[in-house]
Structure formats: structure tokens, C-alpha cells
Amino acid sequence: MAATHSPPEILSDWSAIRVTGSDRVSFLQGQLTQDVATVLPDQPRLAGWASAKGRLLCTTWLCDWNDALFLLLPAELAADVTRRLQMFVLRADVQLEISPNTVSLIRDFSDDKKLINNCYYNDNRFDFAVTNDWGLQLRAAGTEDPPAGDDAGDTASEKLRSLCIAAGLPVITTPTREAFVPQMVNLDLLDGISFSKGCYVGQEIVARTQNLGRIKRRMFRFQCAQTDVSAGDPVMNGGQAAGTVVDAVTTDTGCELLAVIKLDQLGGALTLAGDVSLTHAPLPYPVPEQAGH
């Protein structure tokens, strides 16, 4: 029988935080931008976790699997996010741990993928589609697959970053922690924010940003000829600060990146350090505030 998906390529720089206990839904409901009650076994969700000042500490894919909620996020943030979430547990019946489950990147080849709300199922894994046929796979600890090569981890990580950038999906890392409110990285356009649920950390700032006029910064996709571009790098417009790089990945001709840009600077000649010009590239969803530029 032909394989229905590519061998999982382990993402060594990604982790899953496992949240268990009878109060896990209500606990995360008070922390994340997403309505956690809508996260069902066949309905994963994109979410953000913000500080009290409304600045994103992380973005995460939130999955319900095997009587637990999992937060999939970059490994560099996992320990600190777990520690800081633990501070809010108090008397709730909630347990937090960095899961031994592996996070991998796969490509699904099956004719009948049984894709339900961007997730696939198997007895020992949870697969969440990032874009097109590609997905993140959360596998049960101890599940083995043939090795995909010594550099598979680096290759998979670059591939995932390329997919997220092309899809306009923000991934917060250490250089951009607490740099953006959720709307700046388009979480509201990606259904990553619930404006109808109850209070959560940073909710007052997020709601005020949404309700008190036009959002002044948004995330856009760009290309450039430079290759050494990193999250947190400044974007300039004629010597003025215009924005910040969210993430970037090297391509054959330079790099592709996502950057949060001040809307009143969007029509200018945007550059990186060294006067490297940025060229707009399309996102797969509309950004309403771009219409006037």
C-alpha cells in the first residue's frame, strides 16, 4: 500500500505544552485570545497569549487530543510560557508540562485525507494542517518512524517557516516577545481572537485596539535580495522607523519575510539595514487597512 503521508520530519525547535485537569478549558479561557470552548477534537485553533499590557508573549496552535489541550509553539519559549502560566493556576485543577510528544512536519498524499477543520486523526497522532497538504503532527511519545536524514530537523524547520510566511501566519519568537498586540500580527484576520468571550489577560487592551478606531500597524509579506534577515530586525522608510520583522526565511533569490508595518509608512520605500529594498508579496487573505495605501 502506498504511503499516505511523508515520513514525519521532527521539528527539534518546536514543543508542545500539555495541559490536563478538569479545569483546563476554563483556565486557558482566562489566558488566551481564542475562545477555548470552541477547540474540539476536530477543531484546532490559532491563539495568542498576551501580557497584561496586551503584548503577545507567544502565538500557538491549540489542539484538543487524548483528554488534554496542547499548545504547539517554538521550543525556545516553551519553558518560560509553562512557568508563567503556572503562576495563574492557583487552586484550579490544572497540570502543565512540556510534553514528551514530538512535533513534526508532514505532507499528506492520501486521496481521501478525511480533513476535518484542518486536522487529521490516527490512533497515535494528531495532525494539524498549516497550509495546503502540509501539516504539523503531534505524535505519541515512543512512536518511531524511519529517520529522514541527519539534517531533517533543520530542513523541516525552514520548510515550516516558509509555509507560515506564505500563509501569513505569525510565529512569535524570543526577539519579538511583547513587541506586538495581537491585531498587529493579524490574529483577528486569522480568527485567532474571540471578541465575544469573557475576560482574559490583556483583553482590555485588545478590545480597546479593536473598538477605538483604525488599527495603526499590520503585518505584511515581503521579499528582498538580502539573506541574513532575522526576527526583530527594524524596517525603515527614509531614515524613519517603519516596522519590525516578525520572521524571515532564506530563498534562492534572497529571503521572504513577514513584518509589522506602520500603515502611514506602508506606501514608502521600505528598506532593511544597508538600504536593502523590500518588495511587497501577496498574503492569502485581505488586510482591510491596506485599502487606502
Protein backbone atom coordinates (compact mmCIF):
# COMPACT_ATOMS: atom_id res chain seq x y z
CA MET A 1 0.00 0.00 0.00
CA ALA A 2 1.34 3.43 -0.91
CA ALA A 3 2.26 5.76 1.92
CA THR A 4 -0.45 8.28 2.73
CA HIS A 5 1.94 10.85 4.12
CA SER A 6 5.62 11.69 4.06
CA PRO A 7 7.85 10.38 6.86
CA PRO A 8 7.48 12.81 9.78
CA GLU A 9 10.33 15.30 9.92
CA ILE A 10 10.79 16.13 13.58
CA LEU A 11 10.80 19.85 14.37
CA SER A 12 13.52 19.91 17.00
CA ASP A 13 12.90 23.60 17.64
CA TRP A 14 9.18 23.13 18.38
CA SER A 15 7.49 21.83 21.54
CA ALA A 16 4.04 21.05 22.87
CA ILE A 17 2.81 22.17 26.29
CA ARG A 18 0.32 19.63 27.65
CA VAL A 19 -2.49 20.99 29.82
CA THR A 20 -4.61 18.50 31.76
CA GLY A 21 -7.09 18.58 34.64
CA SER A 22 -10.82 19.18 34.93
CA ASP A 23 -10.37 22.99 34.81
CA ARG A 24 -8.09 23.09 31.76
CA VAL A 25 -10.65 24.72 29.46
CA SER A 26 -11.75 27.43 31.89
CA PHE A 27 -8.13 28.07 32.89
CA LEU A 28 -6.93 28.65 29.33
CA GLN A 29 -10.12 30.57 28.59
CA GLY A 30 -8.86 33.18 31.04
CA GLN A 31 -5.43 33.31 29.40
CA LEU A 32 -5.64 33.04 25.62
CA THR A 33 -7.14 35.30 22.95
CA GLN A 34 -9.07 32.38 21.44
CA ASP A 35 -12.41 31.03 22.68
CA VAL A 36 -11.03 27.81 24.11
CA ALA A 37 -14.53 26.31 24.34
CA THR A 38 -14.53 26.11 20.53
CA VAL A 39 -11.36 23.99 20.50
CA LEU A 40 -12.73 20.49 19.98
CA PRO A 41 -11.08 17.22 18.93
CA ASP A 42 -11.88 18.08 15.31
CA GLN A 43 -11.41 21.84 15.63
CA PRO A 44 -7.92 23.15 16.48
CA ARG A 45 -7.47 26.90 16.76
CA LEU A 46 -4.80 29.54 16.35
CA ALA A 47 -4.41 31.61 19.52
CA GLY A 48 -2.22 34.17 21.23
CA TRP A 49 -1.18 34.65 24.83
CA ALA A 50 -0.65 38.25 25.84
CA SER A 51 0.77 40.12 28.81
CA ALA A 52 -1.39 42.37 30.96
CA LYS A 53 -0.32 45.19 28.62
CA GLY A 54 -1.80 43.29 25.67
CA ARG A 55 1.57 42.40 24.13
CA LEU A 56 2.00 38.91 22.70
CA LEU A 57 4.14 36.51 24.71
CA CYS A 58 3.54 33.76 22.16
CA THR A 59 1.31 32.55 19.37
CA THR A 60 0.24 28.92 19.44
CA TRP A 61 -1.80 26.26 17.71
CA LEU A 62 -4.20 24.93 20.32
CA CYS A 63 -5.24 21.27 19.97
CA ASP A 64 -7.61 19.02 21.91
CA TRP A 65 -6.26 15.46 21.91
CA ASN A 66 -6.34 12.47 24.29
CA ASP A 67 -8.12 14.29 27.14
CA ALA A 68 -5.67 17.18 27.12
CA LEU A 69 -5.14 20.55 25.48
CA PHE A 70 -1.82 21.06 23.71
CA LEU A 71 -0.15 24.37 22.92
CA LEU A 72 2.20 23.95 19.93
CA LEU A 73 4.87 26.65 19.90
CA PRO A 74 8.61 27.28 19.39
CA ALA A 75 10.70 25.29 21.87
CA GLU A 76 12.68 28.38 22.86
CA LEU A 77 9.53 29.77 24.52
CA ALA A 78 8.08 26.57 25.98
CA ALA A 79 9.79 26.52 29.38
CA ASP A 80 9.09 30.18 30.15
CA VAL A 81 5.49 30.01 28.91
CA THR A 82 4.90 26.92 31.07
CA ARG A 83 6.43 28.63 34.10
CA ARG A 84 4.45 31.83 33.64
CA LEU A 85 1.17 30.01 33.02
CA GLN A 86 1.78 28.00 36.19
CA MET A 87 1.68 31.25 38.18
CA PHE A 88 -2.00 31.67 37.25
CA VAL A 89 -3.13 28.14 38.17
CA LEU A 90 -3.69 28.86 41.90
CA ARG A 91 -6.34 26.37 43.11
CA ALA A 92 -7.57 25.27 39.69
CA ASP A 93 -7.40 21.58 38.79
CA VAL A 94 -4.81 22.13 36.06
CA GLN A 95 -1.50 20.44 35.36
CA LEU A 96 1.09 21.85 32.96
CA GLU A 97 4.09 20.10 31.45
CA ILE A 98 6.29 20.22 28.39
CA SER A 99 5.05 17.14 26.61
CA PRO A 100 7.33 14.26 25.58
CA ASN A 101 5.23 14.05 22.40
CA THR A 102 7.11 15.10 19.28
CA VAL A 103 6.05 17.86 16.91
CA SER A 104 6.79 17.01 13.28
CA LEU A 105 6.14 18.33 9.80
CA ILE A 106 4.40 16.03 7.32
CA ARG A 107 2.92 16.17 3.85
CA ASP A 108 -0.28 14.23 3.27
CA PHE A 109 -0.52 12.34 -0.03
CA SER A 110 -3.76 10.43 0.51
CA ASP A 111 -6.67 10.83 -1.90
CA ASP A 112 -9.12 10.71 1.00
CA LYS A 113 -7.44 12.77 3.68
CA LYS A 114 -10.52 12.93 5.88
CA LEU A 115 -9.60 16.51 6.57
CA ILE A 116 -11.94 17.94 9.20
CA ASN A 117 -11.42 21.56 10.13
CA ASN A 118 -7.73 21.37 9.30
CA CYS A 119 -6.87 18.28 11.30
CA TYR A 120 -6.26 14.62 10.61
CA TYR A 121 -6.59 11.70 13.00
CA ASN A 122 -4.86 8.45 13.80
CA ASP A 123 -4.68 6.30 16.93
CA ASN A 124 -1.32 7.68 18.00
CA ARG A 125 -1.09 11.08 16.40
CA PHE A 126 -2.83 14.40 15.85
CA ASP A 127 -2.14 16.18 12.56
CA PHE A 128 -2.99 19.84 12.02
CA ALA A 129 -2.81 21.32 8.53
CA VAL A 130 -0.80 24.52 8.29
CA THR A 131 -1.46 25.16 4.61
CA ASN A 132 -2.34 23.09 1.55
CA ASP A 133 -1.16 19.50 2.05
CA TRP A 134 1.39 20.35 4.74
CA GLY A 135 0.68 19.89 8.40
CA LEU A 136 2.03 19.80 11.92
CA GLN A 137 1.88 16.39 13.51
CA LEU A 138 1.77 15.73 17.25
CA ARG A 139 2.81 12.13 17.81
CA ALA A 140 2.52 9.96 20.88
CA ALA A 141 5.76 9.57 22.82
CA GLY A 142 7.71 6.50 21.76
CA THR A 143 6.19 6.31 18.27
CA GLU A 144 9.04 5.60 15.89
CA ASP A 145 9.45 6.33 12.19
CA PRO A 146 12.32 5.73 9.80
CA PRO A 147 14.90 8.53 10.13
CA ALA A 148 14.53 11.18 7.45
CA GLY A 149 18.20 12.18 7.41
CA ASP A 150 20.64 13.91 9.72
CA ASP A 151 19.57 17.38 8.62
CA ALA A 152 15.84 16.64 8.65
CA GLY A 153 15.21 18.87 11.66
CA ASP A 154 16.80 21.93 10.07
CA THR A 155 15.13 21.21 6.74
CA ALA A 156 11.71 20.78 8.32
CA SER A 157 12.09 23.95 10.38
CA GLU A 158 12.95 26.01 7.31
CA LYS A 159 10.06 24.44 5.42
CA LEU A 160 7.61 25.25 8.21
CA ARG A 161 8.81 28.84 8.36
CA SER A 162 8.34 29.15 4.59
CA LEU A 163 4.82 27.76 4.86
CA CYS A 164 3.86 30.09 7.69
CA ILE A 165 5.28 33.14 5.92
CA ALA A 166 3.46 32.29 2.69
CA ALA A 167 0.23 31.74 4.64
CA GLY A 168 0.64 34.94 6.66
CA LEU A 169 0.70 33.01 9.95
CA PRO A 170 2.69 34.81 12.67
CA VAL A 171 5.09 32.86 14.88
CA ILE A 172 6.35 34.83 17.86
CA THR A 173 9.93 34.05 18.94
CA THR A 174 12.28 35.47 21.57
CA PRO A 175 13.25 38.64 19.62
CA THR A 176 9.59 39.64 19.13
CA ARG A 177 8.11 38.73 22.52
CA GLU A 178 5.95 41.60 23.84
CA ALA A 179 6.59 43.60 20.66
CA PHE A 180 3.06 43.40 19.20
CA VAL A 181 -0.57 43.47 20.22
CA PRO A 182 -2.47 40.60 18.55
CA GLN A 183 -4.06 42.70 15.81
CA MET A 184 -0.64 43.93 14.64
CA VAL A 185 0.18 40.37 13.50
CA ASN A 186 -3.32 39.91 12.01
CA LEU A 187 -4.60 37.43 14.60
CA ASP A 188 -8.06 38.96 14.27
CA LEU A 189 -7.98 38.34 10.49
CA LEU A 190 -6.96 34.73 11.13
CA ASP A 191 -9.80 34.03 13.60
CA GLY A 192 -7.27 33.89 16.42
CA ILE A 193 -9.15 36.33 18.67
CA SER A 194 -12.60 35.99 20.20
CA PHE A 195 -14.28 39.33 20.86
CA SER A 196 -17.37 37.73 22.42
CA LYS A 197 -15.94 35.57 25.20
CA GLY A 198 -15.21 36.73 28.75
CA CYS A 199 -12.12 38.34 30.18
CA TYR A 200 -8.59 37.09 29.64
CA VAL A 201 -5.14 38.51 30.30
CA GLY A 202 -4.62 41.58 28.10
CA GLN A 203 -8.25 41.56 26.92
CA GLU A 204 -8.86 45.22 27.79
CA ILE A 205 -6.03 46.38 25.52
CA VAL A 206 -7.02 44.02 22.71
CA ALA A 207 -10.65 45.15 22.85
CA ARG A 208 -9.70 48.83 23.01
CA THR A 209 -7.42 48.42 19.98
CA GLN A 210 -10.31 46.88 18.06
CA ASN A 211 -13.02 49.30 19.10
CA LEU A 212 -11.38 52.73 19.26
CA GLY A 213 -10.66 53.40 15.62
CA ARG A 214 -8.31 52.16 12.96
CA ILE A 215 -5.50 49.77 13.81
CA LYS A 216 -2.27 51.63 13.05
CA ARG A 217 0.06 48.69 12.33
CA ARG A 218 -0.46 45.49 10.41
CA MET A 219 1.60 42.51 9.27
CA PHE A 220 2.53 42.16 5.59
CA ARG A 221 4.61 39.83 3.48
CA PHE A 222 7.74 40.98 1.64
CA GLN A 223 10.66 39.72 -0.42
CA CYS A 224 14.19 41.07 -0.61
CA ALA A 225 17.63 40.24 -2.02
CA GLN A 226 19.31 40.03 1.38
CA THR A 227 19.71 36.64 3.08
CA ASP A 228 20.73 37.46 6.66
CA VAL A 229 17.37 38.77 7.89
CA SER A 230 16.13 37.87 11.36
CA ALA A 231 13.06 38.32 13.54
CA GLY A 232 13.22 41.65 15.33
CA ASP A 233 15.20 43.44 12.61
CA PRO A 234 13.99 47.02 12.01
CA VAL A 235 12.28 48.13 8.81
CA MET A 236 12.98 51.70 7.75
CA ASN A 237 11.45 54.30 5.44
CA GLY A 238 13.82 57.09 4.54
CA GLY A 239 15.56 57.01 7.89
CA GLN A 240 12.34 56.68 9.88
CA ALA A 241 11.38 53.55 11.80
CA ALA A 242 8.55 51.92 9.85
CA GLY A 243 8.22 48.45 11.34
CA THR A 244 9.72 45.21 12.62
CA VAL A 245 10.44 41.83 11.04
CA VAL A 246 8.31 39.03 12.53
CA ASP A 247 10.09 36.15 10.78
CA ALA A 248 12.20 35.55 7.68
CA VAL A 249 13.42 32.57 5.68
CA THR A 250 16.16 32.30 3.07
CA THR A 251 15.15 31.58 -0.54
CA ASP A 252 17.09 31.00 -3.77
CA THR A 253 16.93 34.72 -4.56
CA GLY A 254 17.23 36.24 -1.08
CA CYS A 255 14.54 35.90 1.52
CA GLU A 256 10.84 36.13 2.24
CA LEU A 257 9.59 37.70 5.42
CA LEU A 258 6.64 38.89 7.43
CA ALA A 259 6.91 42.32 9.00
CA VAL A 260 4.63 44.53 11.07
CA ILE A 261 4.49 47.93 9.36
CA LYS A 262 3.05 51.29 10.39
CA LEU A 263 0.22 51.87 7.96
CA ASP A 264 1.18 55.50 7.39
CA GLN A 265 4.60 54.26 6.20
CA LEU A 266 3.30 51.45 4.00
CA GLY A 267 3.44 53.42 0.76
CA GLY A 268 7.05 54.46 1.28
CA ALA A 269 10.32 52.93 0.10
CA LEU A 270 10.71 50.32 2.82
CA THR A 271 14.20 49.01 3.47
CA LEU A 272 16.20 46.84 5.84
CA ALA A 273 19.64 47.71 7.22
CA GLY A 274 22.05 48.62 4.42
CA ASP A 275 19.24 50.11 2.31
CA VAL A 276 18.09 46.68 1.14
CA SER A 277 14.74 47.29 -0.56
CA LEU A 278 11.61 45.36 0.37
CA THR A 279 9.12 44.29 -2.29
CA HIS A 280 5.51 43.56 -1.35
CA ALA A 281 4.33 39.98 -1.79
CA PRO A 282 0.67 38.91 -1.53
CA LEU A 283 -0.97 37.40 1.51
CA PRO A 284 -3.72 34.78 1.06
CA TYR A 285 -6.17 36.96 2.98
CA PRO A 286 -7.12 40.65 2.69
CA VAL A 287 -5.78 43.26 5.11
CA PRO A 288 -8.59 45.86 5.32
CA GLU A 289 -6.41 48.78 6.41
CA GLN A 290 -4.24 48.38 3.31
CA ALA A 291 -7.03 49.64 1.05
CA GLY A 292 -6.12 53.29 1.48
CA HIS A 293 -2.42 52.79 0.63
